[in-house]
Each structure stands twice: as structure tokens, then as C-alpha cells.
Protein backbone atom coordinates (compact mmCIF):
# COMPACT_ATOMS: atom_id res chain seq x y z
CA MET A 1 0.00 0.00 0.00
CA LEU A 2 1.37 3.40 -0.96
CA GLN A 3 1.87 5.92 1.83
CA LEU A 4 -0.25 9.06 1.85
CA ASN A 5 2.78 11.31 2.40
CA GLU A 6 4.47 9.88 -0.68
CA ILE A 7 1.39 10.64 -2.79
CA LEU A 8 1.10 14.19 -1.43
CA LYS A 9 4.79 15.08 -1.74
CA ASN A 10 5.51 13.34 -5.05
CA ARG A 11 2.24 13.54 -6.93
CA ASP A 12 3.71 13.67 -10.45
CA ALA A 13 6.34 11.02 -9.75
CA VAL A 14 3.71 8.59 -8.43
CA VAL A 15 1.45 9.16 -11.44
CA LYS A 16 4.36 8.67 -13.85
CA ALA A 17 5.58 5.51 -12.08
CA LEU A 18 2.12 3.91 -12.08
CA ALA A 19 1.72 4.72 -15.77
CA LYS A 20 4.46 2.13 -16.37
CA LYS A 21 2.02 -0.43 -14.91
CA HIS A 22 -0.64 0.95 -17.25
CA PHE A 23 -2.56 2.31 -14.28
CA LYS A 24 -4.03 5.75 -14.88
CA ALA A 25 -3.55 7.43 -11.51
CA ASP A 26 -4.22 11.13 -12.27
CA GLU A 27 -7.85 11.17 -11.21
CA ILE A 28 -7.52 9.01 -8.12
CA VAL A 29 -4.39 10.86 -6.91
CA ASP A 30 -6.04 14.27 -7.34
CA LYS A 31 -9.11 13.03 -5.47
CA ILE A 32 -6.90 11.83 -2.63
CA ILE A 33 -5.19 15.24 -2.47
CA LEU A 34 -8.54 17.07 -2.27
CA LEU A 35 -9.89 14.68 0.36
CA ASP A 36 -6.71 15.10 2.38
CA LYS A 37 -7.14 18.88 2.25
CA ASP A 38 -10.68 18.50 3.63
CA ARG A 39 -9.40 16.00 6.21
CA ARG A 40 -6.76 18.42 7.45
CA GLU A 41 -9.31 21.22 7.69
CA ALA A 42 -11.68 18.98 9.65
CA LYS A 43 -8.82 17.99 11.96
CA ALA A 44 -7.85 21.62 12.58
CA LYS A 45 -11.46 22.53 13.39
CA LEU A 46 -11.80 19.46 15.60
CA ASP A 47 -8.62 20.30 17.53
CA SER A 48 -9.77 23.91 17.96
CA THR A 49 -13.23 22.83 19.12
CA LEU A 50 -11.81 20.30 21.59
CA SER A 51 -9.43 22.92 22.95
CA GLU A 52 -12.28 25.39 23.44
CA SER A 53 -14.41 22.69 25.03
CA ASN A 54 -11.62 21.88 27.50
CA ARG A 55 -11.19 25.56 28.30
CA LEU A 56 -14.92 25.93 28.99
CA ALA A 57 -14.94 22.81 31.18
CA ALA A 58 -12.21 24.32 33.36
CA GLU A 59 -14.01 27.67 33.53
CA ILE A 60 -17.33 26.02 34.43
CA GLY A 61 -15.61 24.22 37.28
CA LYS A 62 -14.22 27.48 38.63
CA LEU A 63 -17.62 29.20 38.39
CA TYR A 64 -19.29 26.42 40.37
CA LYS A 65 -16.58 26.63 43.02
CA THR A 66 -17.13 30.38 43.42
CA GLY A 67 -20.91 30.02 43.60
CA LYS A 68 -21.66 31.56 40.20
CA ARG A 69 -24.15 28.88 39.27
CA GLU A 70 -26.15 30.83 36.65
CA GLU A 71 -23.02 31.74 34.69
CA ALA A 72 -21.83 28.14 34.91
CA GLU A 73 -25.17 26.82 33.59
CA ALA A 74 -25.02 29.25 30.67
CA LEU A 75 -21.56 28.05 29.75
CA LYS A 76 -22.70 24.42 30.04
CA LEU A 77 -25.16 25.03 27.20
CA LYS A 78 -22.36 26.34 25.04
CA SER A 79 -20.18 23.40 26.10
CA THR A 80 -22.92 20.98 25.03
CA GLU A 81 -23.04 22.64 21.61
CA LEU A 82 -19.25 22.29 21.28
CA LYS A 83 -19.42 18.58 22.17
CA GLU A 84 -22.00 18.02 19.45
CA LEU A 85 -19.84 19.93 16.98
CA SER A 86 -16.79 17.90 18.05
CA LYS A 87 -18.73 14.68 17.42
CA GLU A 88 -19.74 15.86 13.93
CA LEU A 89 -16.19 16.93 13.09
CA SER A 90 -14.75 13.66 14.41
CA GLU A 91 -17.17 11.65 12.28
CA ARG A 92 -16.33 13.79 9.24
CA PHE A 93 -12.60 13.33 9.86
CA ASP A 94 -13.01 9.54 10.16
CA SER A 95 -15.16 9.43 7.02
CA LEU A 96 -12.60 11.39 5.01
CA GLN A 97 -9.78 9.19 6.30
CA ASP A 98 -11.75 6.09 5.33
CA GLN A 99 -12.38 7.45 1.82
CA ILE A 100 -8.67 8.19 1.40
CA ASN A 101 -7.69 4.71 2.58
CA LYS A 102 -10.15 3.05 0.19
CA LEU A 103 -8.72 5.00 -2.74
CA ILE A 104 -5.11 4.23 -1.79
CA ILE A 105 -5.95 0.51 -1.59
CA GLU A 106 -7.04 0.64 -5.24
CA MET A 107 -3.57 1.78 -6.30
CA PRO A 108 -0.84 -0.75 -7.18
CA ASN A 109 2.73 -0.63 -5.99
CA THR A 110 5.02 1.74 -7.88
CA PRO A 111 7.49 -0.24 -10.01
CA CYS A 112 11.25 -0.12 -9.56
CA ASP A 113 13.25 1.78 -12.19
CA LEU A 114 14.58 -1.57 -13.45
CA VAL A 115 11.09 -2.61 -14.60
CA PRO A 116 11.03 -2.34 -18.41
CA GLU A 117 8.28 -0.65 -20.36
CA GLY A 118 5.78 -3.01 -21.95
CA LYS A 119 2.19 -4.12 -22.25
CA ASN A 120 2.28 -7.89 -21.68
CA ALA A 121 4.47 -10.99 -21.39
CA ASP A 122 5.75 -10.48 -24.94
CA ASP A 123 7.58 -7.39 -23.70
CA ASN A 124 9.36 -9.08 -20.78
CA VAL A 125 13.15 -8.97 -20.95
CA VAL A 126 15.23 -12.15 -20.90
CA VAL A 127 18.18 -11.46 -18.59
CA ARG A 128 19.81 -14.91 -18.54
CA MET A 129 19.55 -18.34 -20.15
CA GLU A 130 21.21 -21.56 -18.96
CA GLY A 131 21.33 -25.16 -20.09
CA GLU A 132 20.93 -26.95 -23.39
CA ILE A 133 17.49 -27.66 -24.78
CA PRO A 134 17.11 -31.44 -25.29
CA ASN A 135 16.84 -32.67 -28.84
CA LEU A 136 13.99 -35.15 -28.51
CA PRO A 137 12.87 -37.49 -31.31
CA GLU A 138 9.79 -36.63 -33.33
CA ASP A 139 7.69 -39.21 -31.47
CA ALA A 140 8.48 -37.68 -28.04
CA LEU A 141 5.39 -37.55 -25.82
CA PRO A 142 3.99 -34.60 -23.86
CA HIS A 143 3.88 -35.08 -20.10
CA TRP A 144 0.14 -35.87 -19.93
CA GLU A 145 0.65 -38.86 -22.22
CA LEU A 146 3.77 -39.94 -20.32
CA ALA A 147 1.82 -39.70 -17.07
CA LYS A 148 -0.81 -42.04 -18.50
CA LYS A 149 1.73 -44.39 -20.07
CA TYR A 150 3.58 -44.93 -16.79
CA ASN A 151 0.44 -44.62 -14.63
CA ILE A 152 1.90 -41.93 -12.35
CA ILE A 153 -0.66 -39.10 -12.67
CA ASP A 154 -4.40 -39.62 -13.13
CA PHE A 155 -6.17 -36.54 -14.51
CA GLU A 156 -9.44 -38.34 -15.20
CA LEU A 157 -9.76 -39.62 -11.63
CA GLY A 158 -9.16 -36.10 -10.35
CA ASN A 159 -11.89 -34.86 -12.66
CA LYS A 160 -14.25 -37.53 -11.32
CA VAL A 161 -13.57 -36.89 -7.62
CA THR A 162 -13.28 -33.09 -7.71
CA GLY A 163 -13.08 -31.53 -11.16
CA ALA A 164 -10.61 -30.45 -13.82
CA GLY A 165 -7.35 -29.15 -12.42
CA PHE A 166 -7.21 -31.47 -9.38
CA PRO A 167 -5.11 -34.49 -10.46
CA PHE A 168 -4.22 -37.60 -8.47
CA TYR A 169 -0.55 -38.59 -8.23
CA ARG A 170 0.16 -42.28 -7.67
CA GLY A 171 3.13 -44.57 -7.16
CA LEU A 172 6.36 -43.07 -8.45
CA GLY A 173 4.45 -39.94 -9.44
CA ALA A 174 3.56 -39.30 -5.80
CA ARG A 175 7.11 -40.17 -4.76
CA LEU A 176 8.47 -37.69 -7.32
CA GLN A 177 6.32 -34.95 -5.79
CA ARG A 178 7.54 -35.81 -2.29
CA SER A 179 11.15 -36.01 -3.46
CA LEU A 180 11.04 -32.58 -5.07
CA VAL A 181 9.43 -31.01 -1.99
CA THR A 182 12.04 -32.55 0.31
CA PHE A 183 14.92 -31.51 -1.95
CA PHE A 184 13.63 -27.92 -2.15
CA LEU A 185 13.03 -27.69 1.61
CA ASN A 186 16.37 -29.22 2.54
CA THR A 187 18.22 -26.84 0.23
CA ALA A 188 16.41 -23.81 1.68
CA VAL A 189 17.13 -24.89 5.25
CA GLU A 190 20.81 -25.30 4.33
CA LYS A 191 20.72 -21.69 3.08
CA GLY A 192 19.49 -20.43 6.45
CA PHE A 193 15.71 -20.45 5.96
CA THR A 194 13.59 -21.59 8.92
CA GLU A 195 11.00 -24.16 7.87
CA TYR A 196 7.33 -23.67 8.74
CA GLU A 197 4.18 -25.67 8.18
CA THR A 198 1.37 -23.17 7.76
CA PRO A 199 -2.44 -23.19 7.75
CA LEU A 200 -4.01 -23.74 4.34
CA VAL A 201 -6.74 -21.19 5.00
CA VAL A 202 -6.38 -17.56 6.10
CA ASN A 203 -8.68 -14.82 7.29
CA GLU A 204 -9.57 -11.65 5.43
CA ALA A 205 -7.00 -9.53 7.26
CA SER A 206 -4.23 -11.87 6.08
CA GLY A 207 -5.42 -11.71 2.48
CA PHE A 208 -5.45 -7.92 2.70
CA GLY A 209 -2.01 -7.79 4.32
CA THR A 210 -0.21 -9.43 1.40
CA GLY A 211 -2.36 -7.78 -1.28
CA GLN A 212 -4.57 -10.65 -2.45
CA LEU A 213 -7.61 -8.80 -1.11
CA PRO A 214 -9.63 -6.95 -2.18
CA ASP A 215 -9.60 -9.80 -4.70
CA LYS A 216 -10.88 -8.04 -7.82
CA GLU A 217 -10.22 -11.04 -10.06
CA GLY A 218 -11.95 -13.53 -7.77
CA GLN A 219 -9.03 -15.95 -8.00
CA MET A 220 -9.15 -17.15 -4.38
CA TYR A 221 -11.42 -19.93 -3.16
CA HIS A 222 -13.66 -18.44 -0.48
CA CYS A 223 -15.21 -20.42 2.41
CA GLU A 224 -18.13 -18.07 2.84
CA ILE A 225 -19.66 -19.46 6.05
CA ASP A 226 -16.45 -18.88 8.01
CA ASN A 227 -15.18 -16.04 5.79
CA LEU A 228 -11.86 -17.81 5.26
CA TYR A 229 -9.80 -18.13 2.09
CA LEU A 230 -7.81 -21.10 0.76
CA ILE A 231 -4.25 -19.90 0.29
CA PRO A 232 -3.00 -19.30 -3.28
CA THR A 233 0.57 -19.60 -1.94
CA ALA A 234 2.32 -20.07 1.42
CA GLU A 235 3.53 -16.48 1.00
CA VAL A 236 0.25 -15.35 2.56
CA PRO A 237 0.46 -17.12 5.95
CA LEU A 238 4.27 -16.87 6.09
CA THR A 239 4.31 -13.10 5.59
CA ASN A 240 1.32 -12.53 7.87
CA ILE A 241 3.29 -14.00 10.76
CA PHE A 242 4.68 -10.47 10.94
CA ARG A 243 1.42 -8.54 10.73
CA ASP A 244 1.35 -5.81 13.43
CA VAL A 245 4.86 -6.83 14.53
CA ILE A 246 7.90 -4.71 15.34
CA VAL A 247 11.12 -6.64 14.75
CA LYS A 248 14.65 -5.75 15.80
CA GLU A 249 17.00 -4.50 13.12
CA GLU A 250 19.70 -6.92 14.25
CA ASP A 251 17.33 -9.84 13.52
CA LEU A 252 17.07 -8.91 9.83
CA PRO A 253 16.96 -10.43 7.33
CA ILE A 254 14.36 -12.93 8.54
CA LYS A 255 14.19 -15.99 6.27
CA ARG A 256 11.22 -18.38 6.17
CA VAL A 257 10.34 -21.34 3.96
CA ALA A 258 7.21 -23.48 3.76
CA TYR A 259 5.78 -26.25 1.63
CA SER A 260 2.03 -26.11 1.06
CA ALA A 261 -0.75 -27.05 -1.25
CA CYS A 262 -1.90 -23.97 -3.18
CA PHE A 263 -5.39 -23.24 -4.47
CA ARG A 264 -6.24 -20.94 -7.36
CA ARG A 265 -9.45 -20.65 -9.31
CA GLU A 266 -7.58 -19.59 -12.47
CA ALA A 267 -10.79 -18.05 -13.79
CA GLY A 268 -10.64 -17.31 -17.50
CA SER A 269 -7.91 -19.86 -18.30
CA TYR A 270 -8.50 -21.96 -21.40
CA GLY A 271 -6.88 -23.64 -24.39
CA LYS A 272 -3.49 -25.33 -24.63
CA ASP A 273 -2.17 -23.51 -21.56
CA VAL A 274 -4.39 -25.61 -19.27
CA ARG A 275 -3.47 -29.05 -20.68
CA GLY A 276 -2.14 -31.58 -18.18
CA LEU A 277 -0.02 -29.97 -15.46
CA ASN A 278 0.30 -26.65 -17.26
CA ARG A 279 -2.36 -24.96 -15.14
CA LEU A 280 -4.00 -26.50 -12.07
CA HIS A 281 -6.45 -25.38 -9.41
CA GLN A 282 -4.56 -27.25 -6.70
CA PHE A 283 -0.80 -27.73 -6.76
CA ASP A 284 2.19 -28.07 -4.45
CA LYS A 285 4.81 -25.39 -3.96
CA VAL A 286 7.74 -24.53 -1.73
CA GLU A 287 7.80 -20.80 -0.96
CA ILE A 288 10.59 -18.64 0.44
CA VAL A 289 9.89 -15.32 2.19
CA GLU A 290 12.32 -12.73 3.52
CA ILE A 291 11.82 -9.65 5.69
CA SER A 292 14.63 -7.15 5.26
CA ARG A 293 15.94 -3.68 5.92
CA GLN A 294 15.01 -1.22 3.19
CA GLU A 295 18.59 -0.71 2.03
CA ASP A 296 19.22 -4.47 1.75
CA SER A 297 16.16 -5.65 -0.16
CA TYR A 298 17.57 -5.57 -3.70
CA LYS A 299 20.74 -7.38 -2.66
CA ILE A 300 18.50 -10.01 -1.04
CA LEU A 301 16.37 -10.18 -4.19
CA ASP A 302 19.49 -11.07 -6.18
CA GLU A 303 20.35 -13.77 -3.61
CA MET A 304 16.85 -15.24 -3.86
CA VAL A 305 17.09 -15.27 -7.66
CA GLU A 306 20.37 -17.17 -7.45
CA HIS A 307 18.85 -19.62 -4.94
CA VAL A 308 16.04 -20.50 -7.36
CA ALA A 309 18.50 -20.74 -10.26
CA SER A 310 20.60 -23.21 -8.25
CA LEU A 311 17.57 -25.49 -7.77
CA ILE A 312 16.70 -25.63 -11.47
CA ARG A 313 20.36 -26.00 -12.36
CA ALA A 314 20.65 -28.97 -10.00
CA LEU A 315 17.67 -30.61 -11.73
CA GLY A 316 19.46 -30.26 -15.07
CA LEU A 317 16.65 -28.36 -16.77
CA PRO A 318 17.28 -25.60 -19.33
CA PHE A 319 15.86 -22.34 -18.03
CA ARG A 320 15.71 -18.64 -18.58
CA ILE A 321 15.16 -15.71 -16.24
CA VAL A 322 12.94 -12.86 -17.41
CA ARG A 323 12.41 -9.45 -15.87
CA LEU A 324 8.70 -8.63 -16.00
CA CYS A 325 7.63 -5.47 -17.79
CA GLY A 326 5.25 -2.88 -16.41
CA GLY A 327 2.21 -4.43 -18.06
CA ASP A 328 2.92 -7.95 -16.76
CA ILE A 329 4.17 -7.30 -13.22
CA SER A 330 1.73 -7.92 -10.36
CA PHE A 331 -0.34 -5.36 -8.46
CA THR A 332 1.85 -5.67 -5.36
CA SER A 333 5.35 -6.07 -6.81
CA ALA A 334 8.03 -3.44 -7.34
CA LEU A 335 10.27 -5.81 -9.34
CA THR A 336 9.74 -9.43 -10.38
CA TYR A 337 11.91 -12.05 -12.06
CA ASP A 338 10.15 -15.07 -13.55
CA PHE A 339 11.90 -18.39 -14.13
CA GLU A 340 10.85 -20.47 -17.10
CA VAL A 341 11.94 -24.01 -17.93
CA PHE A 342 11.83 -25.43 -21.44
CA SER A 343 9.33 -28.20 -22.01
CA ALA A 344 10.93 -30.11 -24.86
CA ALA A 345 7.90 -32.10 -26.01
CA GLN A 346 5.56 -29.10 -25.94
CA LYS A 347 8.35 -26.92 -27.37
CA ARG A 348 7.50 -24.02 -25.09
CA TRP A 349 8.71 -22.21 -22.00
CA LEU A 350 6.82 -22.87 -18.76
CA GLU A 351 6.89 -20.48 -15.81
CA VAL A 352 7.96 -22.28 -12.63
CA SER A 353 8.85 -19.43 -10.27
CA SER A 354 8.34 -15.75 -9.58
CA VAL A 355 10.76 -13.93 -7.29
CA SER A 356 9.60 -10.48 -6.20
CA ASN A 357 10.57 -7.48 -4.10
CA PHE A 358 7.49 -5.72 -2.74
CA GLU A 359 9.57 -3.03 -1.04
CA SER A 360 7.32 -1.46 1.64
CA PHE A 361 3.99 -2.13 -0.13
CA GLN A 362 2.98 -5.23 1.85
CA ALA A 363 4.67 -4.00 5.03
CA ASN A 364 2.50 -0.87 5.01
CA ARG A 365 -0.62 -3.03 4.86
CA LEU A 366 0.78 -5.37 7.51
CA HIS A 367 2.05 -2.57 9.79
CA LEU A 368 5.36 -4.44 9.80
CA ARG A 369 8.20 -2.31 11.13
CA TYR A 370 11.66 -2.69 12.57
CA ARG A 371 13.34 -0.74 15.33
CA THR A 372 16.80 0.60 14.53
CA ALA A 373 19.72 0.78 16.95
CA ASP A 374 18.94 4.46 17.58
CA ASN A 375 15.30 3.54 18.37
CA LYS A 376 13.74 4.76 15.11
CA MET A 377 10.75 2.92 13.64
CA VAL A 378 11.15 1.99 9.96
CA ILE A 379 8.81 0.20 7.55
CA ALA A 380 10.36 -3.13 6.53
CA HIS A 381 10.67 -4.54 3.02
CA THR A 382 9.19 -7.94 2.10
CA LEU A 383 10.25 -10.38 -0.61
CA ASN A 384 9.08 -13.79 -1.72
CA GLY A 385 9.76 -16.44 -4.32
CA SER A 386 8.58 -19.83 -5.55
CA ALA A 387 11.37 -22.28 -4.80
CA LEU A 388 9.77 -24.07 -6.52
CA ALA A 389 6.26 -24.67 -7.87
CA LEU A 390 5.97 -28.36 -8.74
CA PRO A 391 3.50 -28.90 -11.62
CA ARG A 392 5.50 -27.42 -14.50
CA ILE A 393 8.79 -28.63 -13.02
CA VAL A 394 7.33 -32.14 -13.11
CA ALA A 395 6.01 -31.55 -16.65
CA ALA A 396 9.46 -30.51 -17.84
CA LEU A 397 11.22 -33.36 -16.01
CA LEU A 398 8.91 -35.97 -17.55
CA GLU A 399 9.28 -34.57 -21.05
CA ASP A 400 12.98 -33.63 -21.05
CA TYR A 401 14.16 -36.83 -19.34
CA GLN A 402 12.08 -39.32 -21.36
CA THR A 403 13.97 -42.19 -22.99
CA PRO A 404 12.88 -45.33 -24.88
CA ASP A 405 13.32 -47.25 -21.61
CA GLY A 406 11.42 -44.86 -19.34
CA ILE A 407 11.89 -41.51 -17.64
CA ARG A 408 15.32 -40.94 -16.16
CA ILE A 409 15.48 -39.39 -12.69
CA PRO A 410 17.89 -36.44 -12.26
CA ASP A 411 20.90 -37.47 -10.18
CA VAL A 412 20.08 -35.01 -7.40
CA LEU A 413 16.70 -36.70 -6.83
CA VAL A 414 17.87 -40.33 -6.92
CA PRO A 415 18.60 -40.46 -3.15
CA TYR A 416 15.04 -39.25 -2.45
CA MET A 417 13.38 -41.45 -5.09
CA GLY A 418 15.29 -44.65 -4.32
CA CYS A 419 15.43 -45.37 -8.07
CA ASN A 420 16.90 -43.82 -11.19
CA MET A 421 14.09 -44.55 -13.65
CA ILE A 422 10.32 -44.39 -13.93
CA LYS A 423 9.26 -47.29 -16.13
């Protein structure tokens, strides 16, 4: 959430920055400025009225003590009028503050200067590529056919029991999922992340804190009776651990990791992008979250990017890192790097991770601050990344590692799988 002072002091800069995200901010910013002017006037009048009311209360007390009852009663009438006026002014002040807050909530995070101009994913900038794309034979199978051939993922059973986008994993398919999760978690813990197991549902305040709510796209599953939301990522509960918390500067950065099931409605998805594991409503993911000092967050972002790269590199998959343009970056992010692996049978790049710096945007919503050595209170920066999301990693592994004799297991996963082939 943007800060009001930033909007007031840097009106043109905020409007220009948000234009990079294709968000037209002129009207909403100008409305906020006018409402803030009215709010300040209401506050000044309220303070003046309260001061006068306090002065009269003291004078009335003195008059009663000196026996001047009639004069005291006359002033009491005026005091009553001032109390009514104070109530009206207080309600007006609160109403104006509420209107300002609602408008600010509608505004996305301002993008970092490194975010390139662009309208959509076609304008994202490839910053690095690694690995060799496998040269598969013409009869190579896509992962959904491999899953059926080796009986490791059952899409039809998932459709029967729940619906499309909720597959069953069985046998070595289930073991592959577990192996990947364990490998990702173990690697994160070795890098200093503390492992958590989080709730799979969160309340409205948590959804608001990390920017999923208000959920304009309706992408979260909502348990209406209890007003709880199924998490779209472990980022939500992990980051909300620090809602309304003041941390010590010496404890930063704080590093957390969690494996969870993730739930996304993916409303509006259709066509080839939803085939097999390409786009699911329920999937597994290991998420890393860091809380940092403001001046350290971009250094930490680079470290998180390298951590994710090391995981994909260890799996032996060709990948590229892209910096998202203004039209493709999320509502909450200041800078995002996406990781894409190459799916050899589909002959396309599949996104498997997003690593983002939210700067102070989430922390403002969360009221997450840290206390410096000289006792100053500073808004923290928050970052998160998928490390990694499993479905498309599994899709790429099945396709890229297929052989006439079965699907070869990457060396790094053999100790977890207890075998080197799926056949």
C-alpha cells in the first residue's frame, strides 16, 4: 500500500511511475489530495473545538466553586453545543480518512526503475539463459501422455472426484512430488531459511495484508460461512506472521520457507495452456519469504534469484530468467523475475517461479516495522519467491528426461526417489 505522504509530496512522480504499470492514476491521486485537504481542515477545526471545550470545562468548574451557578449553567449550554460539533467533526474526519484509505488501496505498488516498459508478457526482458534444450525425437510424448503411459498421474480420476485441475498422483508420481518437496526444503534450510508448516486457510486480514484482497479477479477460493480463504501460496500465511509486529534491526533479514498445497481458481484460463499440469487449481509449492531492511532488499532479491537458479540448475533443466515489464508485473510487486523451464515435447517455456521485491507495499498493509539501533521505527521490506512450484517442473522433467526405456530421474533426486528410472 502506498503511503499518503508519498502521494502528497511526489504527486507527479507517483502518477508517472504507475503509468508504467498501465494504471491511470491522475484522477484518483487528485481526489486523494482534495480529500486530504478537507481532512486536514476537519482535523484543525476538531482540535480547535476540543481545545475550546476543554477551556470551557475548566471555567465552568471554577464558576461552580465560586458560587456563580447561573453563569456556569449558561456556559454548560455552550459546552454541550461544542461537544455536538466535536462529534460531527470527528465523524467527518473519520469518514474522510476512510475514503482516502479506500482509494489508496485501489492503487498498485510503484514499479522499480529496473522494470522495463511493456504491455504484456511479450515485452518481458530475458536477462539470462542456462542449459541446453534437449533434442527429442519426433515421437516424443507430452507429459500428460507420459503420465498415463507410466500410470503416475491420473487426470481423469481427479476430474471424477473433484473436477478439472485437481489431479491424483500415484506410485512413483507421488514419490516424485515428495522427493522434489524434500529436496527444495532441505536446500532452503541449508541456506538459512527456517522451515514452517502453515495453515491452508487464512482470514480476510491476512489476504489484505499481502495484497490478495480486495480480490478483484476472484481468483481465491472463499469459504463463505467462516469467511476464510484457501491460500493461493504459502507467501500469505508466512508473511502474515509479521502482521502488526515490530522486529529488531539486528534480527534482519528474517528468512522463512514453507511447503504447502496452493489453491487458485484460475478463472478465465482456457486452451493449450491448461493441458495436463500446465495450469491447475490445486498444486504443491515450496515458498521462500524474507523480511529485510530497506537498504538491503535488492541485494536479497538477487540472492533469492540465485537460490532459485541453483535449484533448477541442480535438476538439469534448461531455463531462462525474465524481468517482468510494467504491463505484466503484479499489483503488489516493485520488481519481479520469472523463471521459465523449457518443455521439450511441448516446445514451449513454462513459468515455474516468480521472485519479487514488494519493497514497503505489503509491510504498510501489515504494519510491519523494525526498530533501529537508535530507536527509530522503519517500515520493513518484504520479498518472496517460488522455490519451486511443482507442476510445471514435473512436466518438464517428464518430457525432457524421457527415454525409450522410461523416464530418467535427475541425479540429485535419486537419493530421495530410491530409483533412477520411472518405467
